[in-house]
Amino acid sequence: MLILSRKLGESIVIDGRITVRIVRVDGDTVKLGIAAPAEVPVHRQEVYQEIQLSNQAALTKGRRVVPKLSAERPVLPTATPLPAGSPA
């Protein structure tokens, strides 16, 4: 892990595409501003972990078995024609 010291208003750049700036320091809380391309997901760690758990649960839940299709074509019922002159 790389550990850096930054002052209010200073930034770090990751991969030339992501900028993390120290926006505010309130006591023991640091507010960060993160600028990243739209295709780069940025999450708080607890949210990211919940997404990973949810994705894993979706993969491991009992999978529905899809019935095998028959090679034969089903016979569909045909409509009985109405007598001439009867209302539809």
N, C-alpha and C. Protein backbone atom coordinates (compact mmCIF):
# COMPACT_ATOMS: atom_id res chain seq x y z
N MET A 1 0.84 -1.17 0.00
CA MET A 1 0.00 0.00 0.00
C MET A 1 0.89 1.24 0.00
N LEU A 2 0.57 2.16 -0.85
CA LEU A 2 1.28 3.44 -0.90
C LEU A 2 0.60 4.40 0.07
N ILE A 3 1.35 5.03 0.92
CA ILE A 3 0.80 6.00 1.88
C ILE A 3 1.38 7.36 1.54
N LEU A 4 0.49 8.32 1.31
CA LEU A 4 0.90 9.67 0.93
C LEU A 4 0.34 10.68 1.92
N SER A 5 1.03 11.77 2.08
CA SER A 5 0.52 12.90 2.86
C SER A 5 0.08 13.96 1.86
N ARG A 6 -1.09 14.50 2.05
CA ARG A 6 -1.61 15.55 1.19
C ARG A 6 -2.24 16.61 2.07
N LYS A 7 -2.18 17.84 1.65
CA LYS A 7 -2.80 18.94 2.36
C LYS A 7 -4.09 19.32 1.64
N LEU A 8 -4.89 20.10 2.33
CA LEU A 8 -6.15 20.58 1.77
C LEU A 8 -5.92 21.19 0.39
N GLY A 9 -6.68 20.78 -0.59
CA GLY A 9 -6.58 21.29 -1.95
C GLY A 9 -5.60 20.53 -2.82
N GLU A 10 -4.76 19.68 -2.23
CA GLU A 10 -3.80 18.90 -3.02
C GLU A 10 -4.46 17.64 -3.56
N SER A 11 -3.84 17.06 -4.59
CA SER A 11 -4.42 15.92 -5.29
C SER A 11 -3.39 14.83 -5.51
N ILE A 12 -3.89 13.68 -5.89
CA ILE A 12 -3.06 12.61 -6.45
C ILE A 12 -3.73 12.18 -7.75
N VAL A 13 -2.93 11.65 -8.66
CA VAL A 13 -3.45 11.18 -9.95
C VAL A 13 -3.14 9.69 -10.06
N ILE A 14 -4.15 8.93 -10.46
CA ILE A 14 -4.02 7.48 -10.61
C ILE A 14 -4.19 7.14 -12.08
N ASP A 15 -3.21 6.47 -12.64
CA ASP A 15 -3.27 6.00 -14.03
C ASP A 15 -3.48 7.12 -15.04
N GLY A 16 -3.19 8.34 -14.66
CA GLY A 16 -3.35 9.45 -15.59
C GLY A 16 -4.80 9.78 -15.92
N ARG A 17 -5.75 9.05 -15.32
CA ARG A 17 -7.17 9.24 -15.64
C ARG A 17 -8.03 9.59 -14.43
N ILE A 18 -7.55 9.28 -13.24
CA ILE A 18 -8.34 9.46 -12.03
C ILE A 18 -7.62 10.45 -11.12
N THR A 19 -8.32 11.50 -10.71
CA THR A 19 -7.76 12.49 -9.81
C THR A 19 -8.52 12.44 -8.49
N VAL A 20 -7.77 12.33 -7.40
CA VAL A 20 -8.35 12.35 -6.05
C VAL A 20 -7.83 13.59 -5.36
N ARG A 21 -8.75 14.49 -4.95
CA ARG A 21 -8.37 15.76 -4.34
C ARG A 21 -8.90 15.81 -2.91
N ILE A 22 -8.09 16.38 -2.01
CA ILE A 22 -8.54 16.62 -0.65
C ILE A 22 -9.39 17.89 -0.69
N VAL A 23 -10.67 17.75 -0.42
CA VAL A 23 -11.60 18.87 -0.55
C VAL A 23 -11.81 19.57 0.79
N ARG A 24 -11.88 18.77 1.88
CA ARG A 24 -12.13 19.37 3.19
C ARG A 24 -11.67 18.40 4.26
N VAL A 25 -11.25 18.95 5.38
CA VAL A 25 -10.90 18.14 6.54
C VAL A 25 -11.74 18.66 7.70
N ASP A 26 -12.60 17.80 8.24
CA ASP A 26 -13.46 18.15 9.38
C ASP A 26 -13.11 17.21 10.53
N GLY A 27 -12.26 17.65 11.45
CA GLY A 27 -11.86 16.79 12.56
C GLY A 27 -11.13 15.56 12.04
N ASP A 28 -11.72 14.38 12.30
CA ASP A 28 -11.08 13.14 11.85
C ASP A 28 -11.68 12.64 10.53
N THR A 29 -12.47 13.47 9.87
CA THR A 29 -13.09 13.10 8.60
C THR A 29 -12.45 13.89 7.46
N VAL A 30 -12.07 13.18 6.42
CA VAL A 30 -11.47 13.81 5.24
C VAL A 30 -12.47 13.68 4.10
N LYS A 31 -12.79 14.79 3.45
CA LYS A 31 -13.68 14.78 2.29
C LYS A 31 -12.82 14.74 1.03
N LEU A 32 -13.09 13.75 0.19
CA LEU A 32 -12.34 13.57 -1.05
C LEU A 32 -13.22 13.91 -2.24
N GLY A 33 -12.63 14.51 -3.24
CA GLY A 33 -13.28 14.69 -4.53
C GLY A 33 -12.59 13.76 -5.51
N ILE A 34 -13.37 12.99 -6.26
CA ILE A 34 -12.80 12.02 -7.18
C ILE A 34 -13.32 12.32 -8.59
N ALA A 35 -12.39 12.55 -9.51
CA ALA A 35 -12.74 12.77 -10.92
C ALA A 35 -12.23 11.55 -11.69
N ALA A 36 -13.16 10.82 -12.29
CA ALA A 36 -12.80 9.61 -13.04
C ALA A 36 -13.69 9.52 -14.27
N PRO A 37 -13.21 8.85 -15.31
CA PRO A 37 -14.05 8.64 -16.50
C PRO A 37 -15.33 7.88 -16.12
N ALA A 38 -16.38 8.12 -16.88
CA ALA A 38 -17.68 7.50 -16.59
C ALA A 38 -17.61 5.97 -16.59
N GLU A 39 -16.70 5.39 -17.36
CA GLU A 39 -16.62 3.94 -17.45
C GLU A 39 -15.87 3.31 -16.27
N VAL A 40 -15.32 4.15 -15.38
CA VAL A 40 -14.61 3.64 -14.20
C VAL A 40 -15.56 3.74 -13.01
N PRO A 41 -16.02 2.60 -12.48
CA PRO A 41 -16.90 2.67 -11.31
C PRO A 41 -16.12 3.11 -10.07
N VAL A 42 -16.73 4.00 -9.29
CA VAL A 42 -16.12 4.46 -8.05
C VAL A 42 -17.16 4.25 -6.94
N HIS A 43 -16.80 3.45 -5.94
CA HIS A 43 -17.72 3.14 -4.84
C HIS A 43 -16.98 3.25 -3.52
N ARG A 44 -17.73 3.54 -2.45
CA ARG A 44 -17.17 3.38 -1.11
C ARG A 44 -16.92 1.89 -0.91
N GLN A 45 -15.94 1.53 -0.10
CA GLN A 45 -15.58 0.12 0.05
C GLN A 45 -16.75 -0.72 0.54
N GLU A 46 -17.53 -0.23 1.51
CA GLU A 46 -18.65 -1.03 2.02
C GLU A 46 -19.72 -1.26 0.95
N VAL A 47 -19.91 -0.30 0.06
CA VAL A 47 -20.86 -0.47 -1.04
C VAL A 47 -20.30 -1.47 -2.05
N TYR A 48 -19.03 -1.35 -2.36
CA TYR A 48 -18.39 -2.29 -3.29
C TYR A 48 -18.48 -3.72 -2.77
N GLN A 49 -18.21 -3.92 -1.49
CA GLN A 49 -18.30 -5.26 -0.90
C GLN A 49 -19.72 -5.81 -0.99
N GLU A 50 -20.71 -4.98 -0.76
CA GLU A 50 -22.11 -5.42 -0.85
C GLU A 50 -22.47 -5.80 -2.28
N ILE A 51 -21.99 -5.04 -3.25
CA ILE A 51 -22.22 -5.38 -4.66
C ILE A 51 -21.60 -6.73 -4.98
N GLN A 52 -20.37 -6.96 -4.50
CA GLN A 52 -19.70 -8.24 -4.76
C GLN A 52 -20.46 -9.40 -4.13
N LEU A 53 -20.92 -9.23 -2.89
CA LEU A 53 -21.69 -10.29 -2.22
C LEU A 53 -23.00 -10.57 -2.96
N SER A 54 -23.66 -9.51 -3.40
CA SER A 54 -24.91 -9.66 -4.13
C SER A 54 -24.69 -10.38 -5.46
N ASN A 55 -23.62 -10.02 -6.16
CA ASN A 55 -23.32 -10.68 -7.43
C ASN A 55 -22.99 -12.16 -7.21
N GLN A 56 -22.24 -12.46 -6.16
CA GLN A 56 -21.88 -13.85 -5.86
C GLN A 56 -23.13 -14.65 -5.50
N ALA A 57 -24.03 -14.05 -4.72
CA ALA A 57 -25.27 -14.73 -4.35
C ALA A 57 -26.12 -15.01 -5.58
N ALA A 58 -26.16 -14.08 -6.51
CA ALA A 58 -26.96 -14.27 -7.72
C ALA A 58 -26.40 -15.42 -8.56
N LEU A 59 -25.07 -15.58 -8.54
CA LEU A 59 -24.45 -16.66 -9.32
C LEU A 59 -24.66 -18.03 -8.69
N THR A 60 -24.77 -18.08 -7.38
CA THR A 60 -24.83 -19.37 -6.69
C THR A 60 -26.23 -19.80 -6.29
N LYS A 61 -27.22 -18.95 -6.45
CA LYS A 61 -28.59 -19.34 -6.13
C LYS A 61 -29.01 -20.50 -7.01
N GLY A 62 -29.94 -21.30 -6.50
CA GLY A 62 -30.42 -22.44 -7.28
C GLY A 62 -30.85 -22.02 -8.67
N ARG A 63 -30.22 -22.62 -9.61
CA ARG A 63 -30.54 -22.28 -11.00
C ARG A 63 -31.77 -23.02 -11.45
N ARG A 64 -32.64 -22.35 -12.15
CA ARG A 64 -33.82 -22.99 -12.70
C ARG A 64 -33.41 -23.89 -13.85
N VAL A 65 -34.01 -25.03 -13.88
CA VAL A 65 -33.74 -25.95 -14.98
C VAL A 65 -34.73 -25.63 -16.09
N VAL A 66 -34.21 -25.36 -17.25
CA VAL A 66 -35.05 -25.06 -18.40
C VAL A 66 -35.39 -26.39 -19.07
N PRO A 67 -36.70 -26.66 -19.26
CA PRO A 67 -37.05 -27.95 -19.87
C PRO A 67 -36.49 -28.06 -21.29
N LYS A 68 -36.09 -29.26 -21.63
CA LYS A 68 -35.55 -29.50 -22.95
C LYS A 68 -36.68 -29.45 -23.97
N LEU A 69 -36.43 -28.81 -25.08
CA LEU A 69 -37.45 -28.71 -26.12
C LEU A 69 -37.53 -30.02 -26.89
N SER A 70 -38.75 -30.39 -27.23
CA SER A 70 -38.95 -31.61 -28.00
C SER A 70 -38.62 -31.34 -29.46
N ALA A 71 -38.13 -32.35 -30.14
CA ALA A 71 -37.83 -32.23 -31.56
C ALA A 71 -39.11 -32.21 -32.38
N GLU A 72 -40.19 -32.73 -31.80
CA GLU A 72 -41.47 -32.75 -32.52
C GLU A 72 -42.14 -31.40 -32.39
N ARG A 73 -42.86 -31.03 -33.43
CA ARG A 73 -43.61 -29.78 -33.39
C ARG A 73 -44.92 -30.03 -32.68
N PRO A 74 -45.32 -29.19 -31.75
CA PRO A 74 -46.58 -29.41 -31.05
C PRO A 74 -47.76 -29.18 -31.99
N VAL A 75 -48.82 -29.91 -31.72
CA VAL A 75 -50.04 -29.75 -32.50
C VAL A 75 -50.88 -28.71 -31.78
N LEU A 76 -51.15 -27.62 -32.48
CA LEU A 76 -51.93 -26.54 -31.90
C LEU A 76 -53.40 -26.74 -32.24
N PRO A 77 -54.29 -26.45 -31.30
CA PRO A 77 -55.72 -26.58 -31.61
C PRO A 77 -56.11 -25.56 -32.68
N THR A 78 -57.01 -25.95 -33.54
CA THR A 78 -57.48 -25.04 -34.59
C THR A 78 -58.81 -24.46 -34.17
N ALA A 79 -59.07 -23.25 -34.60
CA ALA A 79 -60.33 -22.59 -34.27
C ALA A 79 -61.46 -23.20 -35.09
N THR A 80 -62.61 -23.36 -34.43
CA THR A 80 -63.78 -23.87 -35.14
C THR A 80 -64.44 -22.70 -35.84
N PRO A 81 -64.66 -22.83 -37.15
CA PRO A 81 -65.28 -21.70 -37.86
C PRO A 81 -66.72 -21.49 -37.39
N LEU A 82 -67.12 -20.20 -37.31
CA LEU A 82 -68.48 -19.86 -36.92
C LEU A 82 -69.40 -20.05 -38.11
N PRO A 83 -70.64 -20.45 -37.84
CA PRO A 83 -71.60 -20.56 -38.94
C PRO A 83 -71.82 -19.20 -39.59
N ALA A 84 -72.12 -19.22 -40.86
CA ALA A 84 -72.35 -17.99 -41.61
C ALA A 84 -73.51 -17.22 -41.01
N GLY A 85 -73.34 -15.93 -40.88
CA GLY A 85 -74.41 -15.07 -40.38
C GLY A 85 -74.43 -14.93 -38.86
N SER A 86 -73.61 -15.67 -38.12
CA SER A 86 -73.62 -15.54 -36.67
C SER A 86 -72.72 -14.39 -36.26
N PRO A 87 -73.04 -13.71 -35.12
CA PRO A 87 -72.18 -12.58 -34.70
C PRO A 87 -70.81 -13.09 -34.26
N ALA A 88 -69.80 -12.30 -34.49
CA ALA A 88 -68.43 -12.68 -34.16
C ALA A 88 -68.13 -12.50 -32.71
